[in-house]
Protein backbone atom coordinates (compact mmCIF):
# COMPACT_ATOMS: atom_id res chain seq x y z
CA MET A 1 0.08 -0.08 -0.08
CA PRO A 2 1.76 3.30 -0.83
CA GLU A 3 2.30 5.59 1.91
CA GLN A 4 -0.42 7.92 2.37
CA ARG A 5 -1.00 11.37 4.48
CA LEU A 6 -3.87 12.53 6.38
CA TRP A 7 -3.68 15.92 7.79
CA ALA A 8 -5.05 16.52 11.25
CA PRO A 9 -3.56 18.96 12.80
CA TRP A 10 -6.85 20.16 15.68
CA ARG A 11 -5.35 17.15 17.37
CA LEU A 12 -1.66 18.64 17.36
CA GLU A 13 -3.42 20.63 20.63
CA TYR A 14 -3.98 17.35 22.50
CA ILE A 15 -1.12 15.55 21.64
CA GLN A 16 0.87 17.73 23.42
CA GLY A 17 -1.10 19.00 26.02
CA PRO A 18 -1.13 17.86 29.22
CA LYS A 19 -3.29 14.29 30.30
CA GLY A 20 -4.88 14.10 33.46
CA ASP A 21 -6.94 11.36 34.93
CA GLU A 22 -9.82 13.69 35.40
CA CYS A 23 -13.37 12.18 34.71
CA VAL A 24 -13.66 14.50 30.91
CA PHE A 25 -17.63 14.47 32.21
CA CYS A 26 -16.95 15.68 35.79
CA VAL A 27 -14.42 18.53 34.63
CA GLY A 28 -16.53 19.25 31.45
CA ALA A 29 -19.82 19.79 33.75
CA ASP A 30 -17.88 22.41 35.97
CA GLU A 31 -16.18 24.71 33.40
CA SER A 32 -18.08 27.42 32.22
CA ASP A 33 -16.16 27.84 28.48
CA ASP A 34 -18.46 25.40 26.42
CA ARG A 35 -16.86 25.82 23.40
CA GLU A 36 -13.68 25.10 24.99
CA ARG A 37 -15.14 21.72 25.61
CA HIS A 38 -17.28 21.11 22.95
CA ILE A 39 -20.60 21.07 24.99
CA VAL A 40 -23.45 22.08 22.80
CA GLN A 41 -26.32 22.20 25.08
CA ARG A 42 -27.30 22.18 29.39
CA GLY A 43 -30.23 20.92 30.94
CA ASP A 44 -30.69 21.35 34.58
CA ARG A 45 -29.32 17.24 35.27
CA CYS A 46 -27.30 16.73 32.31
CA PHE A 47 -25.37 18.06 29.52
CA VAL A 48 -24.42 17.39 25.41
CA LEU A 49 -21.03 17.38 24.46
CA LEU A 50 -19.77 16.30 21.32
CA ASN A 51 -17.48 13.94 21.41
CA ALA A 52 -13.76 14.16 20.80
CA TYR A 53 -12.72 11.14 19.64
CA PRO A 54 -15.71 10.34 16.83
CA TYR A 55 -16.56 7.78 14.85
CA THR A 56 -17.95 10.56 12.18
CA SER A 57 -18.80 14.22 12.42
CA GLY A 58 -21.77 15.11 14.88
CA HIS A 59 -20.86 12.11 17.71
CA LEU A 60 -23.04 12.90 20.32
CA MET A 61 -22.72 12.08 23.77
CA VAL A 62 -24.94 12.90 26.73
CA ALA A 63 -24.00 12.84 29.93
CA PRO A 64 -25.36 13.60 33.50
CA TYR A 65 -23.95 15.52 36.00
CA ALA A 66 -23.87 13.30 38.66
CA HIS A 67 -20.67 10.57 38.56
CA VAL A 68 -22.77 7.58 39.00
CA PRO A 69 -21.01 4.17 36.40
CA SER A 70 -24.68 3.29 35.73
CA ILE A 71 -27.72 4.49 34.50
CA GLU A 72 -29.88 2.18 37.77
CA GLU A 73 -28.29 4.98 40.34
CA LEU A 74 -30.29 8.39 38.64
CA ASP A 75 -33.09 9.30 40.19
CA GLU A 76 -36.17 9.57 37.76
CA ASP A 77 -35.99 13.52 36.86
CA THR A 78 -32.59 12.82 35.30
CA LEU A 79 -32.93 9.33 33.44
CA LEU A 80 -35.95 11.86 31.76
CA GLU A 81 -33.73 14.90 31.21
CA LEU A 82 -31.47 12.20 29.92
CA MET A 83 -33.84 10.91 27.05
CA THR A 84 -34.78 14.30 26.44
CA LEU A 85 -31.48 15.08 25.32
CA THR A 86 -31.34 12.60 22.69
CA ARG A 87 -34.24 13.34 21.91
CA ARG A 88 -33.21 16.63 20.87
CA SER A 89 -29.45 15.52 20.24
CA LEU A 90 -31.48 13.48 17.56
CA GLU A 91 -32.98 16.66 15.98
CA ALA A 92 -30.49 18.95 15.90
CA LEU A 93 -28.43 16.77 14.30
CA ARG A 94 -31.04 15.62 11.43
CA ASP A 95 -31.48 19.77 11.36
CA VAL A 96 -27.45 20.19 10.72
CA TYR A 97 -26.73 17.05 8.74
CA THR A 98 -29.50 15.17 8.22
CA PRO A 99 -28.15 11.61 8.09
CA GLU A 100 -30.22 8.42 7.16
CA GLY A 101 -30.51 7.30 10.36
CA PHE A 102 -28.32 7.20 14.08
CA ASN A 103 -26.86 4.66 16.04
CA VAL A 104 -27.62 5.29 19.94
CA GLY A 105 -26.23 3.31 23.12
CA ILE A 106 -25.55 4.01 26.39
CA ASN A 107 -22.32 3.05 27.23
CA GLN A 108 -21.65 1.38 31.00
CA GLY A 109 -18.30 -0.19 31.92
CA LYS A 110 -15.23 -0.12 30.13
CA ILE A 111 -16.01 -3.97 28.61
CA ALA A 112 -19.09 -1.62 26.88
CA GLY A 113 -16.32 0.43 25.10
CA ALA A 114 -16.89 3.25 28.04
CA GLY A 115 -13.53 4.86 28.04
CA PHE A 116 -14.51 6.40 31.11
CA ASP A 117 -16.19 3.56 32.85
CA ASP A 118 -17.41 5.28 36.26
CA HIS A 119 -19.08 7.94 34.59
CA VAL A 120 -22.47 6.32 32.48
CA HIS A 121 -22.86 8.70 29.39
CA GLN A 122 -25.25 7.94 26.15
CA HIS A 123 -23.80 8.07 22.36
CA VAL A 124 -25.78 9.21 19.94
CA VAL A 125 -24.06 8.87 16.51
CA PRO A 126 -25.21 9.88 12.70
CA ARG A 127 -24.82 6.94 9.99
CA TRP A 128 -25.49 7.25 6.10
CA SER A 129 -25.15 4.47 3.89
CA ALA A 130 -22.09 5.80 2.76
CA ASP A 131 -19.99 6.75 5.34
CA ASN A 132 -18.14 3.55 6.23
CA ASN A 133 -16.14 3.79 2.85
CA PHE A 134 -12.03 1.56 2.80
CA MET A 135 -10.62 3.87 5.07
CA PRO A 136 -11.43 1.77 8.55
CA VAL A 137 -11.42 -1.62 6.69
CA ILE A 138 -8.33 -1.09 4.44
CA GLY A 139 -6.28 1.66 6.19
CA ASP A 140 -7.71 1.54 9.99
CA THR A 141 -7.94 5.06 10.02
CA ARG A 142 -11.88 7.46 9.89
CA VAL A 143 -11.61 10.25 7.74
CA LEU A 144 -13.95 13.26 9.42
CA PRO A 145 -15.11 16.04 7.23
CA GLN A 146 -15.25 18.34 9.91
CA SER A 147 -13.56 20.09 12.81
CA LEU A 148 -14.83 19.78 16.18
CA ASP A 149 -15.17 23.41 16.57
CA ASP A 150 -16.90 23.76 13.18
CA SER A 151 -19.16 20.84 14.17
CA TRP A 152 -19.68 22.63 17.56
CA ASN A 153 -20.62 25.85 15.77
CA GLN A 154 -23.01 24.11 13.76
CA ILE A 155 -24.96 21.92 16.42
CA SER A 156 -24.52 24.43 19.30
CA GLU A 157 -27.01 26.41 16.99
CA ALA A 158 -29.35 23.92 15.97
CA PHE A 159 -29.79 23.49 19.83
CA LYS A 160 -31.42 26.89 19.95
CA THR A 161 -33.92 26.50 16.76
């Protein structure tokens, strides 16, 4: 296979930046700079943010402010808001990207793929019939056509309408 170059200059800040053990959801919940943390919507008990390691552009996560490992530990009002923000995420992503479908699922525990296994969260991933090309299969590489900052601009605006 010939050498290929893919440029993702926005990743350099993460690569060179300090790494902490803090929970990305707890840090995001406490911060006031939603743009920097890629938080597109806040509720009273939960919030919505862009995944920094997305499967595809527009990959969102909905998380409670409470640092708990399971939905079984959330009260009824928090569960309701988690699902209400998930529904609103679907609407915003439809407005911005017009996907043909979605993958929606709760990550609960390390074996379920959770990078932060002690803070339950739900993924909302827009999907298109042609979004899996040869790159992930042959090159073990995902091609994202939009930066996180540009996604944040469009999706946070869609939440306002």
